[in-house]
Amino acid sequence: MNTQSKATLLALIAILFWSTVATAFKIALNEINVLLTLFYVSLFSTIFLFLIILFQVNTRKIFQFSKKQIFGSAVLGFLNPFSYYLILFVAYSMLPAQLAQPLNYTWPVMLVLLSIPILKQKISNLGIIAILISFSGVVLISLKDTFSLKVDNPLGVFLAIISSVFWALFWIFNMKDKRNEVVKLFFNFLFGFIFISLLILATSEFKLPSRNGLFAVIYISLFETSITFVLWLKALKLSSSTEKISNLVFISPFVSLIFIHFILGEKIYITTFIGLTLIILGILFQQYLNFRIKKQNIL
């Protein structure tokens, strides 16, 4: 097996794992409340990421930081996992998984929109059309029923979309930190764990999870944040082109619908499938426009 084939295989394994987490979210939230789900996910993710750092012999990198970087980790930890997953879990607790998952997948669209004021990037008329294509998918998913013009749970829909804003903000500010990616993520979850622990103490919400709840949060911690994240980074490193790997991630939301249907028993609405397709098409169109601009700049 050549290097590119190994990269593709690792990427597909990561995508398969990520495709299952929407189902795991619902299982966990059916067993324990939102705050405790985030508490245990943050706890186990911090532990697993630390073990990965030990395994990779990167322990020295944990202590190679400045006060500015620690403050940055605290800010990023507030964005993700604390704010991002807190909002996302509330959305999942209010919506069917097949709605929350694709609505959250609008984060690349939010990344483009936020890059305009934050990174001073410009957007073309075609870029605006790409965004409108994705948002037409959002509207279709939100309606849930082709023959209805009423949004069943507008707050849940709003929170699912807002969670993507927090992820996009995290992505933008995280790019400025040049430390090892796993080390950065470890500190993010460490601070996220501190924040959610303080919130748990303030609300007196702490209790031990049920067996199914414990299994679900451990699964999320392994296959949403830690091991799968490392597999994805390894795939990107081995690949001859990041584009060959990055575009594979758009398989994930469609595969996720299969798990949602067969494990959670949700009947997949035709509006969910069509809306998700529109979201992905809009994102891919935007990526094509970015690629064309870069190519023109090189020439």
Protein backbone atom coordinates (compact mmCIF):
# COMPACT_ATOMS: atom_id res chain seq x y z
CA MET A 1 0.00 0.00 0.00
CA ASN A 2 1.49 3.34 -1.06
CA THR A 3 1.54 6.46 1.08
CA GLN A 4 -1.49 8.08 -0.56
CA SER A 5 -3.52 4.89 -0.14
CA LYS A 6 -2.61 4.81 3.57
CA ALA A 7 -3.68 8.44 3.88
CA THR A 8 -7.01 7.73 2.21
CA LEU A 9 -7.62 4.66 4.39
CA LEU A 10 -6.90 6.59 7.61
CA ALA A 11 -9.15 9.43 6.45
CA LEU A 12 -12.00 7.03 5.69
CA ILE A 13 -11.64 5.38 9.11
CA ALA A 14 -11.79 8.82 10.76
CA ILE A 15 -14.84 9.74 8.68
CA LEU A 16 -16.56 6.48 9.65
CA PHE A 17 -16.02 7.24 13.34
CA TRP A 18 -17.20 10.85 12.96
CA SER A 19 -20.30 9.56 11.18
CA THR A 20 -21.36 7.72 14.34
CA VAL A 21 -21.05 10.54 16.88
CA ALA A 22 -24.42 12.20 16.14
CA THR A 23 -26.02 8.91 17.18
CA ALA A 24 -23.79 8.75 20.26
CA PHE A 25 -24.79 12.32 21.19
CA LYS A 26 -28.46 11.37 21.27
CA ILE A 27 -27.79 8.19 23.28
CA ALA A 28 -25.76 10.13 25.86
CA LEU A 29 -28.33 12.93 26.12
CA ASN A 30 -31.13 10.40 26.60
CA GLU A 31 -29.26 9.06 29.64
CA ILE A 32 -27.79 12.19 31.26
CA ASN A 33 -28.41 15.93 30.94
CA VAL A 34 -26.52 18.40 28.76
CA LEU A 35 -24.17 19.73 31.46
CA LEU A 36 -23.13 16.27 32.64
CA THR A 37 -22.66 15.05 29.07
CA LEU A 38 -20.26 17.94 28.42
CA PHE A 39 -18.57 17.39 31.81
CA TYR A 40 -17.80 13.73 31.15
CA VAL A 41 -16.87 14.25 27.49
CA SER A 42 -14.44 17.03 28.51
CA LEU A 43 -12.99 14.88 31.30
CA PHE A 44 -12.39 11.77 29.21
CA SER A 45 -11.21 13.75 26.18
CA THR A 46 -8.60 15.49 28.34
CA ILE A 47 -7.41 12.13 29.68
CA PHE A 48 -7.29 10.45 26.27
CA LEU A 49 -5.49 13.39 24.66
CA PHE A 50 -2.90 13.37 27.45
CA LEU A 51 -2.32 9.65 26.90
CA ILE A 52 -1.88 10.28 23.18
CA ILE A 53 0.71 12.95 23.96
CA LEU A 54 2.55 10.47 26.21
CA PHE A 55 2.41 7.81 23.50
CA GLN A 56 3.75 10.23 20.90
CA VAL A 57 6.55 11.31 23.26
CA ASN A 58 5.40 14.92 23.08
CA THR A 59 5.31 15.56 26.84
CA ARG A 60 7.98 18.24 26.57
CA LYS A 61 5.75 20.23 24.25
CA ILE A 62 3.16 20.50 27.04
CA PHE A 63 5.55 22.67 29.01
CA GLN A 64 6.81 24.73 26.05
CA PHE A 65 4.36 27.58 26.25
CA SER A 66 4.14 31.22 27.19
CA LYS A 67 1.60 33.04 29.34
CA LYS A 68 0.09 34.42 26.13
CA GLN A 69 -0.37 30.88 24.78
CA ILE A 70 -1.97 29.72 28.02
CA PHE A 71 -4.40 32.63 27.89
CA GLY A 72 -5.07 31.79 24.25
CA SER A 73 -5.80 28.18 25.20
CA ALA A 74 -8.23 29.40 27.85
CA VAL A 75 -10.06 31.56 25.30
CA LEU A 76 -10.14 28.76 22.74
CA GLY A 77 -11.23 26.30 25.43
CA PHE A 78 -14.13 28.61 26.19
CA LEU A 79 -15.10 28.56 22.50
CA ASN A 80 -14.48 24.83 22.07
CA PRO A 81 -15.32 22.57 23.83
CA PHE A 82 -17.23 24.65 26.41
CA SER A 83 -19.47 26.96 24.35
CA TYR A 84 -19.56 24.94 21.14
CA TYR A 85 -20.55 21.60 22.65
CA LEU A 86 -22.80 23.17 25.28
CA ILE A 87 -24.88 24.83 22.55
CA LEU A 88 -24.66 21.80 20.26
CA PHE A 89 -25.79 19.37 22.98
CA VAL A 90 -28.75 21.59 23.82
CA ALA A 91 -29.67 21.60 20.13
CA TYR A 92 -29.40 17.80 19.99
CA SER A 93 -31.58 17.51 23.08
CA MET A 94 -34.29 19.55 21.33
CA LEU A 95 -34.08 18.26 17.76
CA PRO A 96 -34.01 14.91 15.95
CA ALA A 97 -30.39 13.95 15.22
CA GLN A 98 -31.06 14.13 11.47
CA LEU A 99 -31.82 17.86 11.83
CA ALA A 100 -29.17 18.88 14.36
CA GLN A 101 -26.32 17.14 12.55
CA PRO A 102 -26.63 18.73 9.06
CA LEU A 103 -27.53 22.15 10.50
CA ASN A 104 -24.32 22.06 12.52
CA TYR A 105 -22.50 21.18 9.31
CA THR A 106 -22.92 24.76 8.09
CA TRP A 107 -19.70 25.73 9.87
CA PRO A 108 -17.69 26.07 6.59
CA VAL A 109 -20.30 28.60 5.45
CA MET A 110 -19.96 30.47 8.75
CA LEU A 111 -16.19 30.33 8.33
CA VAL A 112 -16.47 32.19 5.03
CA LEU A 113 -18.86 34.78 6.48
CA LEU A 114 -16.76 35.40 9.61
CA SER A 115 -13.55 35.64 7.57
CA ILE A 116 -14.93 38.80 5.95
CA PRO A 117 -14.90 41.00 9.11
CA ILE A 118 -12.18 39.14 11.04
CA LEU A 119 -9.63 38.27 8.34
CA LYS A 120 -10.69 41.11 5.99
CA GLN A 121 -11.32 38.67 3.16
CA LYS A 122 -13.51 39.64 0.23
CA ILE A 123 -16.35 37.60 -1.20
CA SER A 124 -17.40 37.53 -4.85
CA ASN A 125 -20.91 37.48 -6.23
CA LEU A 126 -20.44 33.78 -7.00
CA GLY A 127 -19.35 33.28 -3.39
CA ILE A 128 -22.60 34.86 -2.24
CA ILE A 129 -24.50 32.46 -4.52
CA ALA A 130 -22.61 29.52 -2.95
CA ILE A 131 -23.67 30.69 0.51
CA LEU A 132 -27.28 31.10 -0.60
CA ILE A 133 -27.26 27.54 -1.98
CA SER A 134 -26.13 26.22 1.41
CA PHE A 135 -28.65 28.32 3.31
CA SER A 136 -31.45 27.11 1.06
CA GLY A 137 -30.54 23.65 2.35
CA VAL A 138 -30.72 24.94 5.91
CA VAL A 139 -34.23 26.28 5.30
CA LEU A 140 -35.35 23.01 3.73
CA ILE A 141 -34.00 20.93 6.64
CA SER A 142 -35.61 23.27 9.16
CA LEU A 143 -39.06 22.82 7.59
CA LYS A 144 -38.75 19.04 8.07
CA ASP A 145 -41.78 18.44 5.87
CA THR A 146 -42.00 19.42 2.21
CA PHE A 147 -45.67 20.35 2.58
CA SER A 148 -45.25 22.54 5.65
CA LEU A 149 -43.89 26.08 5.97
CA LYS A 150 -43.65 25.89 9.77
CA VAL A 151 -40.45 25.29 11.71
CA ASP A 152 -41.28 22.83 14.50
CA ASN A 153 -38.56 23.89 16.92
CA PRO A 154 -37.11 27.28 15.90
CA LEU A 155 -34.97 27.56 19.05
CA GLY A 156 -33.38 24.16 18.45
CA VAL A 157 -32.73 25.06 14.80
CA PHE A 158 -31.23 28.41 15.86
CA LEU A 159 -28.91 26.75 18.40
CA ALA A 160 -27.74 24.10 15.92
CA ILE A 161 -26.78 26.86 13.48
CA ILE A 162 -25.23 29.08 16.17
CA SER A 163 -23.03 26.17 17.29
CA SER A 164 -21.45 26.26 13.83
CA VAL A 165 -20.58 29.95 14.43
CA PHE A 166 -18.64 29.03 17.57
CA TRP A 167 -16.81 26.25 15.72
CA ALA A 168 -15.91 28.63 12.87
CA LEU A 169 -14.61 31.23 15.37
CA PHE A 170 -12.57 28.53 17.08
CA TRP A 171 -11.13 27.45 13.72
CA ILE A 172 -10.13 31.00 12.77
CA PHE A 173 -8.36 31.81 16.05
CA ASN A 174 -6.84 28.33 16.37
CA MET A 175 -4.94 28.86 13.09
CA LYS A 176 -2.90 31.61 14.73
CA ASP A 177 -1.52 29.19 17.35
CA LYS A 178 1.43 27.32 15.80
CA ARG A 179 1.87 24.74 18.57
CA ASN A 180 1.44 21.01 18.07
CA GLU A 181 -2.22 20.35 17.18
CA VAL A 182 -2.74 17.57 19.72
CA VAL A 183 -1.12 19.63 22.48
CA LYS A 184 -3.34 22.59 21.61
CA LEU A 185 -6.44 20.40 21.69
CA PHE A 186 -5.38 18.94 25.05
CA PHE A 187 -5.19 22.41 26.60
CA ASN A 188 -8.49 23.41 25.00
CA PHE A 189 -10.26 20.46 26.60
CA LEU A 190 -8.43 20.97 29.89
CA PHE A 191 -9.74 24.53 30.13
CA GLY A 192 -13.12 23.42 28.80
CA PHE A 193 -13.25 20.86 31.60
CA ILE A 194 -12.44 23.58 34.15
CA PHE A 195 -15.23 25.82 32.81
CA ILE A 196 -17.88 23.10 32.79
CA SER A 197 -16.76 21.91 36.25
CA LEU A 198 -17.33 25.40 37.63
CA LEU A 199 -20.76 25.48 36.01
CA ILE A 200 -21.60 22.05 37.46
CA LEU A 201 -20.54 23.24 40.94
CA ALA A 202 -22.65 26.39 40.57
CA THR A 203 -25.74 24.43 39.55
CA SER A 204 -25.19 21.38 41.81
CA GLU A 205 -25.92 19.13 38.83
CA PHE A 206 -23.24 16.49 39.44
CA LYS A 207 -24.12 12.82 39.52
CA LEU A 208 -22.67 9.59 38.20
CA PRO A 209 -23.88 8.54 34.73
CA SER A 210 -25.77 5.34 33.97
CA ARG A 211 -23.87 2.50 32.31
CA ASN A 212 -25.24 3.41 28.86
CA GLY A 213 -24.52 7.09 29.48
CA LEU A 214 -20.95 6.30 30.54
CA PHE A 215 -20.38 4.16 27.47
CA ALA A 216 -21.75 6.93 25.22
CA VAL A 217 -19.57 9.73 26.66
CA ILE A 218 -16.45 7.54 26.52
CA TYR A 219 -17.27 6.68 22.92
CA ILE A 220 -17.73 10.38 22.06
CA SER A 221 -14.46 11.24 23.81
CA LEU A 222 -12.57 8.60 21.84
CA PHE A 223 -14.12 8.95 18.40
CA GLU A 224 -15.19 12.60 18.22
CA THR A 225 -12.16 14.36 19.64
CA SER A 226 -9.09 12.29 20.48
CA ILE A 227 -8.21 9.16 18.48
CA THR A 228 -10.17 10.16 15.38
CA PHE A 229 -8.59 13.62 15.41
CA VAL A 230 -5.09 12.06 15.45
CA LEU A 231 -6.03 9.68 12.60
CA TRP A 232 -7.23 12.65 10.55
CA LEU A 233 -4.04 14.63 11.19
CA LYS A 234 -1.96 11.60 10.19
CA ALA A 235 -3.97 11.23 6.98
CA LEU A 236 -3.41 14.90 6.10
CA LYS A 237 0.31 14.51 6.79
CA LEU A 238 0.67 11.42 4.58
CA SER A 239 -1.43 12.74 1.71
CA SER A 240 0.27 14.33 -1.29
CA SER A 241 -2.51 16.94 -1.32
CA THR A 242 -4.75 18.09 1.53
CA GLU A 243 -7.59 18.62 -0.95
CA LYS A 244 -7.62 14.89 -1.77
CA ILE A 245 -8.33 14.16 1.89
CA SER A 246 -10.28 17.20 3.05
CA ASN A 247 -13.12 16.77 0.56
CA LEU A 248 -13.71 13.22 1.79
CA VAL A 249 -15.12 14.64 5.01
CA PHE A 250 -18.32 15.57 3.18
CA ILE A 251 -19.17 11.86 3.03
CA SER A 252 -19.61 11.92 6.81
CA PRO A 253 -23.03 13.62 7.17
CA PHE A 254 -24.61 11.26 4.63
CA VAL A 255 -23.17 8.16 6.31
CA SER A 256 -24.32 9.61 9.63
CA LEU A 257 -27.93 9.51 8.43
CA ILE A 258 -27.61 5.73 8.00
CA PHE A 259 -26.59 5.28 11.65
CA ILE A 260 -29.28 7.72 12.79
CA HIS A 261 -31.91 5.73 10.92
CA PHE A 262 -30.90 2.19 11.91
CA ILE A 263 -29.69 2.80 15.49
CA LEU A 264 -31.91 5.67 16.67
CA GLY A 265 -34.84 4.57 14.54
CA GLU A 266 -35.45 8.02 13.05
CA LYS A 267 -37.32 8.11 9.75
CA ILE A 268 -35.14 10.20 7.45
CA TYR A 269 -37.12 13.00 5.83
CA ILE A 270 -36.60 13.67 2.13
CA THR A 271 -36.10 17.35 3.10
CA THR A 272 -33.16 16.33 5.31
CA PHE A 273 -31.41 14.53 2.45
CA ILE A 274 -32.08 17.24 -0.16
CA GLY A 275 -31.22 20.04 2.29
CA LEU A 276 -27.96 18.36 3.31
CA THR A 277 -27.07 17.90 -0.36
CA LEU A 278 -27.64 21.63 -0.99
CA ILE A 279 -25.46 22.56 2.01
CA ILE A 280 -22.60 20.38 0.76
CA LEU A 281 -22.97 21.60 -2.84
CA GLY A 282 -22.76 25.20 -1.64
CA ILE A 283 -19.63 24.44 0.39
CA LEU A 284 -17.97 22.58 -2.50
CA PHE A 285 -18.82 25.45 -4.86
CA GLN A 286 -17.19 27.89 -2.44
CA GLN A 287 -14.10 25.67 -2.25
CA TYR A 288 -13.92 25.58 -6.05
CA LEU A 289 -14.07 29.38 -6.15
CA ASN A 290 -11.25 29.61 -3.57
CA PHE A 291 -9.17 27.13 -5.58
CA ARG A 292 -9.71 29.16 -8.76
CA ILE A 293 -8.66 32.39 -7.01
CA LYS A 294 -5.47 30.76 -5.66
CA LYS A 295 -4.64 29.38 -9.10
CA GLN A 296 -5.09 32.81 -10.68
CA ASN A 297 -2.83 34.38 -8.04
CA ILE A 298 -0.12 31.81 -8.73
CA LEU A 299 -0.32 32.47 -12.47
